[in-house]
């Protein structure tokens, strides 16, 4: 038996051919000629969908609809009317109808509405599954070829697209196949980085991407110079897939002028990537030029407290003449405070806003049981991100900027990856604590499980000691010490970390947005 339909229309006898047509298609159709009786019927039994005539005597269709939705907000209702008046349409649509049909309706219109409202998820799931199975083979073939950075960007864009689409379909088997393919892509990508990263930094590869230290100069500055005013918003630790889930919300107010995937430097950690973004320099160069602004791994203290000074110096090197405001938001109170005083910060050509929520979410996901439960996989992590964004001061700030017709540049410093496989590492007491990269002297590890840089100067990184080197976790690995190994592994497995080499950490969004 198909779905059960309640059809309320004061001229129900005239609709007998339609009702017979639907019954032949396997649907059960219960009829009534009044809104009041329709309300009684939905109290007595369960219906999958309601067809409701707008113009009934007594209790009108709109009044019936309002009472239905008050008690059964999830019940799909299709409004049917003779009128094409815009006000009636607006009233019906505002009451959360599922569809709107104008009389006279034909059987195929009714059938289409039923499929759209009752079978849409199933049909979309089947189409998504078939489409991904075709794309699976193409992506697999691409991974066996020699890829350029632009081709990696295309593959990662496709992987994120299918991850989001398969998440909607609910096909667990296909989801597992996808996760295997993404893991394979990460394995190949890590080899790609190991082969090309040093050449990018030394300018020996024409295919080099926009990196953290060239992002401001190459992408932000041309827009800033062109616009009267602009806001540069850096959401710390924002992955590309997280951008894609908040994009529809932002597009209510802004149109995307340009979206691009750039590349974070290594380590994919705030101290390195974000300082590089603001300074236009690699970390080793920052340490040499501005030792007062660089905090060594072994030292205590905040590692990104001089971003404004580094940006000011970069602007001077690039020609100067651009006044700017700089704000960093690290908690809800600071966000609300900036929102309340935002009008006072509209006088400069450039306004820079660093928003730390996603990074805090990642760390909270590690340390707070309730956040672990709320974000226990990738889909839940994205869901938590969009939920936060929709209720955050940042969204209110963006709405205010849209009202003022101020363009936005939105980007990040790095992403994060859900770690699963431990890699044993041994270091002295001065070795840093990050789970995705280690720097120090006399590090012991399996070289097959890491991307090792024996000479930090090769990748323009500081060297705290003469014998210091860097190692970066590959794919979804994380570093664990032999002491309390099992406890350490169980505690950190399936948490979101950054600092190493993966698609999720290194390939980050840059978006230019104009108010609608």
Protein backbone atom coordinates (compact mmCIF):
# COMPACT_ATOMS: atom_id res chain seq x y z
CA UNK A 1 0.00 0.00 0.00
CA UNK A 2 1.24 3.48 -0.87
CA UNK A 3 0.96 6.64 1.17
CA UNK A 4 -2.30 7.71 2.82
CA UNK A 5 -3.74 11.00 1.55
CA UNK A 6 -6.38 13.23 3.14
CA UNK A 7 -8.13 15.36 0.49
CA UNK A 8 -10.37 18.17 1.77
CA UNK A 9 -12.45 20.05 -0.81
CA UNK A 10 -16.05 21.28 -0.70
CA UNK A 11 -16.44 20.04 -4.31
CA UNK A 12 -14.89 16.65 -3.61
CA UNK A 13 -17.42 14.82 -5.84
CA UNK A 14 -15.99 16.62 -8.89
CA UNK A 15 -12.55 15.22 -8.08
CA UNK A 16 -13.58 11.55 -8.36
CA UNK A 17 -11.47 10.92 -11.52
CA UNK A 18 -8.37 12.25 -9.73
CA UNK A 19 -9.06 10.11 -6.67
CA UNK A 20 -9.57 6.96 -8.76
CA UNK A 21 -6.32 7.71 -10.61
CA UNK A 22 -4.39 7.94 -7.33
CA UNK A 23 -5.97 4.74 -5.97
CA UNK A 24 -4.89 2.92 -9.15
CA UNK A 25 -1.35 4.15 -8.42
CA UNK A 26 -1.50 2.50 -5.01
CA UNK A 27 -2.35 5.47 -2.81
CA UNK A 28 -5.06 5.35 -0.15
CA UNK A 29 -7.24 8.46 -0.42
CA UNK A 30 -9.60 9.62 2.35
CA UNK A 31 -11.92 12.49 1.41
CA UNK A 32 -13.87 15.17 3.21
CA UNK A 33 -15.76 18.29 2.16
CA UNK A 34 -14.95 20.58 5.11
CA UNK A 35 -12.00 21.93 7.04
CA UNK A 36 -13.54 21.07 10.41
CA UNK A 37 -13.97 17.42 9.44
CA UNK A 38 -10.41 17.35 8.08
CA UNK A 39 -9.14 18.42 11.50
CA UNK A 40 -11.19 15.68 13.15
CA UNK A 41 -9.82 13.06 10.73
CA UNK A 42 -6.15 13.87 11.39
CA UNK A 43 -6.88 13.41 15.11
CA UNK A 44 -8.32 9.95 14.44
CA UNK A 45 -5.67 8.49 12.13
CA UNK A 46 -2.29 9.14 10.58
CA UNK A 47 -1.90 10.70 7.14
CA UNK A 48 1.23 11.08 5.05
CA UNK A 49 0.05 14.21 3.21
CA UNK A 50 -2.99 16.51 2.97
CA UNK A 51 -4.51 18.14 -0.14
CA UNK A 52 -6.41 21.19 1.06
CA UNK A 53 -8.79 23.41 -0.91
CA UNK A 54 -8.17 27.08 -0.10
CA UNK A 55 -11.76 28.28 -0.70
CA UNK A 56 -14.10 26.18 1.50
CA UNK A 57 -17.20 27.46 3.30
CA UNK A 58 -17.08 27.60 7.09
CA UNK A 59 -13.50 26.98 8.13
CA UNK A 60 -11.41 28.19 5.17
CA UNK A 61 -8.41 26.36 3.80
CA UNK A 62 -5.98 28.88 5.30
CA UNK A 63 -7.64 28.65 8.71
CA UNK A 64 -7.61 24.85 8.53
CA UNK A 65 -3.96 24.96 7.50
CA UNK A 66 -3.03 27.16 10.45
CA UNK A 67 -4.69 24.79 12.95
CA UNK A 68 -3.11 21.72 11.31
CA UNK A 69 0.37 23.21 11.43
CA UNK A 70 -0.04 24.28 15.05
CA UNK A 71 -0.52 20.67 16.15
CA UNK A 72 1.28 18.78 13.36
CA UNK A 73 4.03 21.07 12.02
CA UNK A 74 5.73 18.25 10.11
CA UNK A 75 2.65 17.13 8.17
CA UNK A 76 3.04 18.01 4.44
CA UNK A 77 0.11 20.10 3.16
CA UNK A 78 -0.54 20.93 -0.50
CA UNK A 79 -2.78 23.97 -0.99
CA UNK A 80 -5.15 23.88 -3.98
CA UNK A 81 -6.99 27.02 -5.06
CA UNK A 82 -8.80 28.68 -7.96
CA UNK A 83 -7.26 32.03 -7.08
CA UNK A 84 -3.95 33.35 -8.38
CA UNK A 85 -3.98 36.35 -6.05
CA UNK A 86 -0.49 37.00 -4.71
CA UNK A 87 -1.73 37.75 -1.18
CA UNK A 88 -3.37 34.32 -0.87
CA UNK A 89 -0.21 32.65 -2.17
CA UNK A 90 1.90 34.57 0.32
CA UNK A 91 -0.38 33.62 3.22
CA UNK A 92 -0.24 29.95 2.26
CA UNK A 93 3.51 29.89 1.70
CA UNK A 94 4.06 31.76 4.97
CA UNK A 95 2.17 28.98 6.73
CA UNK A 96 4.77 26.43 5.59
CA UNK A 97 2.86 24.61 2.89
CA UNK A 98 4.72 21.93 0.96
CA UNK A 99 3.29 22.82 -2.45
CA UNK A 100 0.80 25.16 -4.16
CA UNK A 101 -1.45 24.13 -7.10
CA UNK A 102 -3.89 26.21 -9.16
CA UNK A 103 -7.22 24.73 -10.27
CA UNK A 104 -8.01 23.06 -12.53
CA UNK A 105 -5.35 20.48 -11.68
CA UNK A 106 -4.65 17.39 -13.75
CA UNK A 107 -3.71 13.96 -12.39
CA UNK A 108 -0.06 14.26 -13.39
CA UNK A 109 0.28 17.51 -11.41
CA UNK A 110 -1.06 15.73 -8.34
CA UNK A 111 1.25 12.76 -8.87
CA UNK A 112 4.27 15.03 -9.31
CA UNK A 113 3.44 16.86 -6.09
CA UNK A 114 3.17 13.55 -4.24
CA UNK A 115 6.51 12.30 -5.53
CA UNK A 116 8.18 15.61 -4.73
CA UNK A 117 6.92 15.62 -1.16
CA UNK A 118 6.81 11.94 -0.24
CA UNK A 119 9.44 10.27 -2.39
CA UNK A 120 11.84 13.14 -2.94
CA UNK A 121 14.41 11.95 -0.40
CA UNK A 122 14.38 8.42 -1.81
CA UNK A 123 14.63 9.60 -5.43
CA UNK A 124 17.40 12.08 -4.59
CA UNK A 125 19.26 9.37 -2.66
CA UNK A 126 19.05 6.94 -5.58
CA UNK A 127 20.19 9.58 -8.07
CA UNK A 128 23.02 10.69 -5.76
CA UNK A 129 24.20 7.10 -5.32
CA UNK A 130 24.24 6.43 -9.05
CA UNK A 131 26.01 9.71 -9.81
CA UNK A 132 28.70 9.11 -7.18
CA UNK A 133 29.32 5.56 -8.41
CA UNK A 134 30.09 7.01 -11.83
CA UNK A 135 32.28 9.74 -10.31
CA UNK A 136 34.01 7.20 -8.07
CA UNK A 137 35.66 5.60 -11.08
CA UNK A 138 36.76 8.96 -12.51
CA UNK A 139 38.27 10.11 -9.21
CA UNK A 140 40.00 6.76 -8.77
CA UNK A 141 41.54 7.03 -12.23
CA UNK A 142 42.70 10.58 -11.52
CA UNK A 143 44.48 9.50 -8.34
CA UNK A 144 46.67 7.14 -10.32
CA UNK A 145 47.87 9.96 -12.59
CA UNK A 146 50.53 12.63 -12.03
CA UNK A 147 48.49 15.56 -10.72
CA UNK A 148 49.12 19.30 -10.61
CA UNK A 149 48.00 21.44 -7.70
CA UNK A 150 45.03 22.73 -9.74
CA UNK A 151 43.99 19.15 -10.39
CA UNK A 152 44.24 18.39 -6.67
CA UNK A 153 41.98 21.36 -6.00
CA UNK A 154 39.45 19.93 -8.44
CA UNK A 155 39.58 16.49 -6.84
CA UNK A 156 39.21 17.89 -3.33
CA UNK A 157 36.28 20.08 -4.42
CA UNK A 158 34.60 16.99 -5.85
CA UNK A 159 35.29 14.96 -2.70
CA UNK A 160 33.77 17.64 -0.48
CA UNK A 161 30.76 17.93 -2.80
CA UNK A 162 30.12 14.18 -2.68
CA UNK A 163 30.71 14.00 1.07
CA UNK A 164 27.95 16.57 1.59
CA UNK A 165 25.62 14.96 -0.95
CA UNK A 166 26.08 11.43 0.39
CA UNK A 167 25.47 12.78 3.87
CA UNK A 168 22.00 13.86 2.71
CA UNK A 169 21.26 10.52 1.04
CA UNK A 170 21.81 8.42 4.15
CA UNK A 171 23.36 5.55 2.16
CA UNK A 172 25.73 4.06 4.77
CA UNK A 173 27.31 1.53 2.41
CA UNK A 174 28.19 4.16 -0.17
CA UNK A 175 29.40 6.44 2.60
CA UNK A 176 31.90 3.78 3.68
CA UNK A 177 33.13 3.46 0.10
CA UNK A 178 33.53 7.22 -0.07
CA UNK A 179 35.55 7.30 3.15
CA UNK A 180 37.89 4.69 1.69
CA UNK A 181 38.35 6.80 -1.43
CA UNK A 182 39.00 9.94 0.59
CA UNK A 183 41.59 8.07 2.64
CA UNK A 184 43.26 6.92 -0.58
CA UNK A 185 43.23 10.52 -1.86
CA UNK A 186 44.92 11.70 1.33
CA UNK A 187 47.63 9.06 0.98
CA UNK A 188 48.41 10.18 -2.57
CA UNK A 189 48.17 13.86 -1.62
CA UNK A 190 50.75 13.43 1.14
CA UNK A 191 53.20 11.99 -1.39
CA UNK A 192 52.44 14.93 -3.67
CA UNK A 193 53.25 17.40 -0.88
CA UNK A 194 56.48 15.62 0.04
CA UNK A 195 57.57 15.78 -3.61
CA UNK A 196 56.61 19.40 -4.34
CA UNK A 197 56.40 21.47 -1.15
CA UNK A 198 60.05 22.53 -0.92
CA UNK A 199 60.12 23.49 -4.62
CA UNK A 200 57.04 25.69 -4.09
CA UNK A 201 58.74 27.60 -1.31
CA UNK A 202 61.94 28.04 -3.29
CA UNK A 203 60.03 29.27 -6.34
CA UNK A 204 61.20 26.36 -8.48
CA UNK A 205 57.74 25.17 -9.48
CA UNK A 206 55.49 27.21 -11.77
CA UNK A 207 52.50 25.19 -10.56
CA UNK A 208 52.89 26.47 -6.99
CA UNK A 209 49.64 27.47 -5.26
CA UNK A 210 48.76 30.59 -3.33
CA UNK A 211 50.29 29.85 0.07
CA UNK A 212 49.68 31.41 3.49
CA UNK A 213 52.46 33.97 3.14
CA UNK A 214 51.41 35.05 -0.39
CA UNK A 215 47.63 35.05 0.17
CA UNK A 216 47.33 38.64 1.37
CA UNK A 217 49.56 40.08 -1.34
CA UNK A 218 48.17 38.04 -4.23
CA UNK A 219 44.47 37.81 -3.38
CA UNK A 220 43.47 40.25 -0.64
CA UNK A 221 45.39 43.41 -1.55
CA UNK A 222 44.04 43.82 -5.12
CA UNK A 223 40.46 43.75 -3.79
CA UNK A 224 41.24 46.04 -0.84
CA UNK A 225 42.79 48.64 -3.15
CA UNK A 226 39.80 48.52 -5.49
CA UNK A 227 37.07 48.88 -2.85
CA UNK A 228 36.31 51.98 -0.79
CA UNK A 229 36.02 49.81 2.31
CA UNK A 230 36.31 46.09 2.92
CA UNK A 231 36.34 43.55 5.74
CA UNK A 232 38.86 40.72 5.86
CA UNK A 233 37.38 37.96 8.06
CA UNK A 234 39.70 35.15 9.09
CA UNK A 235 37.84 32.29 10.76
CA UNK A 236 40.57 30.29 12.44
CA UNK A 237 40.69 26.58 11.54
CA UNK A 238 37.85 26.73 8.98
CA UNK A 239 37.88 23.75 6.65
CA UNK A 240 36.64 23.94 3.08
CA UNK A 241 33.66 21.69 3.86
CA UNK A 242 32.72 23.93 6.78
CA UNK A 243 32.77 26.92 4.43
CA UNK A 244 30.44 25.05 2.05
CA UNK A 245 27.85 24.48 4.81
CA UNK A 246 27.80 28.12 5.92
CA UNK A 247 27.92 29.42 2.34
CA UNK A 248 24.13 29.18 1.73
CA UNK A 249 23.50 31.30 4.83
CA UNK A 250 25.96 33.98 3.75
CA UNK A 251 24.54 33.93 0.22
CA UNK A 252 21.25 35.20 1.62
CA UNK A 253 23.03 38.56 1.87
CA UNK A 254 26.13 38.29 -0.31
CA UNK A 255 26.99 36.91 -3.73
CA UNK A 256 30.23 35.05 -4.28
CA UNK A 257 32.46 37.02 -6.66
CA UNK A 258 35.29 34.49 -6.44
CA UNK A 259 35.88 31.27 -4.55
CA UNK A 260 39.31 29.70 -4.56
CA UNK A 261 41.15 26.96 -2.70
CA UNK A 262 44.57 28.04 -1.47
CA UNK A 263 47.21 26.13 0.49
CA UNK A 264 48.27 26.46 4.10
CA UNK A 265 51.97 26.27 4.86
CA UNK A 266 53.44 23.65 7.19
CA UNK A 267 52.95 23.28 10.05
CA UNK A 268 49.21 23.78 9.53
CA UNK A 269 49.03 25.49 12.91
CA UNK A 270 47.99 28.97 13.95
CA UNK A 271 51.40 30.19 15.08
CA UNK A 272 52.90 29.40 11.71
CA UNK A 273 50.16 29.77 9.10
CA UNK A 274 48.36 32.81 10.49
CA UNK A 275 51.54 34.73 11.31
CA UNK A 276 52.65 33.99 7.75
CA UNK A 277 49.36 35.33 6.40
CA UNK A 278 49.64 38.61 8.31
CA UNK A 279 53.35 39.14 7.73
CA UNK A 280 53.66 37.98 4.14
CA UNK A 281 56.72 36.05 5.34
CA UNK A 282 57.57 32.46 6.14
CA UNK A 283 58.04 31.71 9.87
CA UNK A 284 61.83 31.48 9.60
CA UNK A 285 61.89 34.93 8.00
CA UNK A 286 59.63 36.34 10.72
CA UNK A 287 61.98 35.04 13.40
CA UNK A 288 64.98 36.65 11.71
CA UNK A 289 63.34 40.02 10.96
CA UNK A 290 61.18 40.33 14.05
CA UNK A 291 62.58 38.16 16.85
CA UNK A 292 60.51 40.23 19.30
CA UNK A 293 57.32 38.99 17.59
CA UNK A 294 58.21 35.29 17.46
CA UNK A 295 57.64 32.91 20.36
CA UNK A 296 59.69 29.74 20.35
CA UNK A 297 57.96 26.38 20.83
CA UNK A 298 59.58 25.89 24.23
CA UNK A 299 58.62 29.35 25.48
CA UNK A 300 55.46 30.24 27.37
CA UNK A 301 53.04 32.87 26.09
CA UNK A 302 50.62 33.66 23.28
CA UNK A 303 52.01 32.90 19.84
CA UNK A 304 49.86 35.25 17.76
CA UNK A 305 49.80 38.47 19.74
CA UNK A 306 51.56 40.63 17.13
CA UNK A 307 49.36 40.07 14.07
CA UNK A 308 48.44 43.74 13.78
CA UNK A 309 52.11 44.77 13.85
CA UNK A 310 53.03 42.15 11.25
CA UNK A 311 50.21 43.28 8.96
CA UNK A 312 51.26 46.90 9.32
CA UNK A 313 54.80 46.01 8.27
CA UNK A 314 53.55 43.99 5.29
CA UNK A 315 51.39 46.88 4.11
CA UNK A 316 54.40 49.21 4.33
CA UNK A 317 56.47 46.81 2.23
CA UNK A 318 53.67 46.62 -0.31
CA UNK A 319 53.44 50.40 -0.72
CA UNK A 320 51.64 51.45 2.48
CA UNK A 321 48.87 54.00 2.50
CA UNK A 322 46.10 51.66 3.67
CA UNK A 323 44.76 52.48 7.15
CA UNK A 324 43.20 49.52 8.94
CA UNK A 325 41.50 48.35 12.10
CA UNK A 326 42.30 44.96 13.61
CA UNK A 327 40.06 42.91 15.93
CA UNK A 328 40.47 39.45 17.41
CA UNK A 329 37.45 37.64 18.86
CA UNK A 330 38.23 34.78 21.22
CA UNK A 331 34.93 34.43 23.12
CA UNK A 332 31.23 35.27 22.98
CA UNK A 333 31.57 38.39 25.13
CA UNK A 334 34.19 39.88 22.83
CA UNK A 335 32.00 39.12 19.81
CA UNK A 336 29.00 40.88 21.31
CA UNK A 337 31.15 43.83 22.33
CA UNK A 338 32.46 44.28 18.80
CA UNK A 339 28.94 43.99 17.37
CA UNK A 340 27.68 46.72 19.70
CA UNK A 341 30.47 49.10 18.70
CA UNK A 342 30.87 48.06 15.05
CA UNK A 343 29.72 51.44 13.72
CA UNK A 344 32.75 53.03 15.38
CA UNK A 345 35.09 50.89 13.25
CA UNK A 346 33.81 51.83 9.81
CA UNK A 347 36.17 54.74 9.23
CA UNK A 348 39.13 52.76 7.84
CA UNK A 349 39.59 51.39 4.33
CA UNK A 350 40.42 47.95 5.70
CA UNK A 351 38.98 46.16 8.74
CA UNK A 352 40.50 42.85 9.78
CA UNK A 353 38.55 40.46 11.98
CA UNK A 354 40.06 37.25 13.36
CA UNK A 355 37.36 34.95 14.71
CA UNK A 356 38.55 32.01 16.79
CA UNK A 357 35.40 29.96 17.29
CA UNK A 358 36.12 26.99 15.01
CA UNK A 359 39.57 26.55 16.53
CA UNK A 360 38.04 26.63 20.01
CA UNK A 361 35.42 24.10 18.86
CA UNK A 362 38.19 21.78 17.69
CA UNK A 363 40.00 21.99 21.03
CA UNK A 364 36.74 21.68 22.99
CA UNK A 365 35.88 18.64 20.90
CA UNK A 366 39.03 17.06 22.33
CA UNK A 367 38.60 18.03 25.97
CA UNK A 368 34.84 18.24 26.67
CA UNK A 369 32.73 15.09 26.73
CA UNK A 370 29.53 16.91 25.75
CA UNK A 371 31.19 18.35 22.62
CA UNK A 372 32.61 14.92 21.79
CA UNK A 373 29.08 13.54 21.84
CA UNK A 374 27.67 16.41 19.78
CA UNK A 375 30.41 16.19 17.14
CA UNK A 376 31.37 12.54 17.01
CA UNK A 377 31.95 12.46 13.24
CA UNK A 378 32.53 14.75 10.26
CA UNK A 379 28.84 15.39 9.55
CA UNK A 380 28.12 16.27 13.19
CA UNK A 381 31.18 18.54 13.27
CA UNK A 382 29.83 20.44 10.25
CA UNK A 383 26.37 20.55 11.80
CA UNK A 384 27.78 22.07 14.98
CA UNK A 385 29.64 24.64 12.90
CA UNK A 386 26.54 25.86 11.05
CA UNK A 387 24.49 25.86 14.26
CA UNK A 388 27.12 28.03 15.94
CA UNK A 389 27.40 30.34 12.95
CA UNK A 390 23.66 30.99 12.67
CA UNK A 391 23.52 32.09 16.34
CA UNK A 392 26.87 33.83 16.60
CA UNK A 393 27.79 37.52 16.80
CA UNK A 394 29.77 36.89 13.60
CA UNK A 395 26.55 36.30 11.65
CA UNK A 396 25.08 39.47 13.15
CA UNK A 397 28.25 41.35 12.17
CA UNK A 398 28.00 40.04 8.59
CA UNK A 399 24.34 41.11 8.41
CA UNK A 400 25.26 44.61 9.55
CA UNK A 401 28.06 44.78 6.99
CA UNK A 402 25.63 43.68 4.26
CA UNK A 403 23.27 46.51 5.23
CA UNK A 404 26.20 48.92 4.89
CA UNK A 405 27.07 47.38 1.48
CA UNK A 406 30.61 46.51 2.58
CA UNK A 407 32.43 43.76 0.62
CA UNK A 408 33.94 40.80 2.46
CA UNK A 409 37.05 38.72 2.06
CA UNK A 410 36.67 35.47 4.00
CA UNK A 411 39.43 32.95 4.56
CA UNK A 412 41.30 30.96 7.19
CA UNK A 413 44.81 29.95 8.20
CA UNK A 414 44.44 26.14 8.12
CA UNK A 415 41.93 23.32 8.53
CA UNK A 416 41.83 20.20 10.68
CA UNK A 417 41.49 16.44 10.30
CA UNK A 418 39.84 13.77 12.43
CA UNK A 419 42.77 11.68 13.59
CA UNK A 420 42.55 7.90 13.97
CA UNK A 421 45.93 6.17 13.60
CA UNK A 422 48.63 6.67 16.25
CA UNK A 423 52.31 7.09 15.38
CA UNK A 424 54.84 6.51 18.15
CA UNK A 425 57.33 9.32 18.73
CA UNK A 426 59.97 9.87 21.40
CA UNK A 427 61.36 13.30 22.26
CA UNK A 428 62.91 15.19 25.14
CA UNK A 429 61.05 17.44 27.57
CA UNK A 430 61.38 20.45 25.23
CA UNK A 431 59.55 18.76 22.36
CA UNK A 432 56.33 20.59 21.51
CA UNK A 433 52.94 19.13 22.43
CA UNK A 434 51.07 19.38 19.08
CA UNK A 435 49.69 16.02 17.94
CA UNK A 436 50.23 16.58 14.20
CA UNK A 437 53.76 17.99 14.10
CA UNK A 438 56.82 17.74 16.30
CA UNK A 439 59.99 19.78 16.41
CA UNK A 440 62.95 19.15 18.63
CA UNK A 441 66.27 17.37 18.83
CA UNK A 442 66.87 13.63 18.87
CA UNK A 443 63.31 12.78 17.86
CA UNK A 444 62.70 9.06 17.38
CA UNK A 445 59.98 7.88 14.98
CA UNK A 446 59.19 5.66 12.01
CA UNK A 447 60.19 7.73 8.93
CA UNK A 448 57.64 5.82 6.82
CA UNK A 449 54.79 7.32 8.85
CA UNK A 450 55.84 10.98 8.72
CA UNK A 451 56.96 13.75 6.40
CA UNK A 452 60.34 14.61 7.85
CA UNK A 453 62.29 17.83 7.31
CA UNK A 454 65.80 17.40 8.67
CA UNK A 455 66.83 20.93 7.76
CA UNK A 456 64.11 23.44 8.79
CA UNK A 457 65.72 26.14 6.65
CA UNK A 458 64.69 24.11 3.57
CA UNK A 459 61.06 24.95 4.37
CA UNK A 460 61.79 28.38 5.91
CA UNK A 461 61.03 27.30 9.46
CA UNK A 462 62.84 28.44 12.62
CA UNK A 463 65.32 26.14 14.25
CA UNK A 464 65.33 26.38 18.03
CA UNK A 465 68.44 24.20 18.35
CA UNK A 466 71.26 23.25 16.00
CA UNK A 467 70.05 19.65 15.86
CA UNK A 468 66.29 20.40 15.70
CA UNK A 469 64.19 19.03 12.88
CA UNK A 470 60.47 18.89 12.04
CA UNK A 471 58.23 15.91 11.45
CA UNK A 472 54.64 16.14 10.20
CA UNK A 473 51.94 13.51 10.68
CA UNK A 474 50.60 12.21 7.38
CA UNK A 475 46.98 11.44 6.50
CA UNK A 476 44.91 10.81 9.66
CA UNK A 477 47.80 9.92 11.98
CA UNK A 478 48.62 11.55 15.30
CA UNK A 479 51.71 11.41 17.46
CA UNK A 480 51.61 9.48 20.70
CA UNK A 481 54.30 9.00 23.34
CA UNK A 482 55.15 5.49 24.58
CA UNK A 483 54.37 6.48 28.17
CA UNK A 484 50.66 5.82 28.92
CA UNK A 485 50.35 4.94 25.24
CA UNK A 486 46.95 3.22 25.34
CA UNK A 487 45.33 5.95 27.44
CA UNK A 488 46.80 8.65 25.19
CA UNK A 489 45.64 6.91 22.01
CA UNK A 490 42.09 6.29 23.26
CA UNK A 491 41.77 9.86 24.51
CA UNK A 492 42.82 11.55 21.27
CA UNK A 493 41.59 9.14 18.61
CA UNK A 494 38.69 10.64 16.59
CA UNK A 495 39.45 14.17 17.73
CA UNK A 496 40.02 17.01 15.26
CA UNK A 497 43.64 18.13 15.10
CA UNK A 498 45.84 20.30 12.89
CA UNK A 499 49.50 20.81 12.15
CA UNK A 500 50.20 18.00 9.70
CA UNK A 501 49.76 17.02 6.06
CA UNK A 502 46.27 16.28 4.74
CA UNK A 503 43.76 17.62 2.27
CA UNK A 504 41.54 18.86 5.10
CA UNK A 505 44.33 20.81 6.82
CA UNK A 506 46.17 22.26 3.84
CA UNK A 507 43.51 23.06 1.21
CA UNK A 508 41.65 26.07 2.58
CA UNK A 509 39.00 28.46 1.21
CA UNK A 510 39.44 32.04 0.09
CA UNK A 511 36.21 33.83 -0.85
CA UNK A 512 35.50 37.32 -2.19
CA UNK A 513 31.90 38.39 -1.43
CA UNK A 514 29.87 41.40 -2.55
CA UNK A 515 26.64 42.51 -0.85
CA UNK A 516 23.48 41.89 -2.86
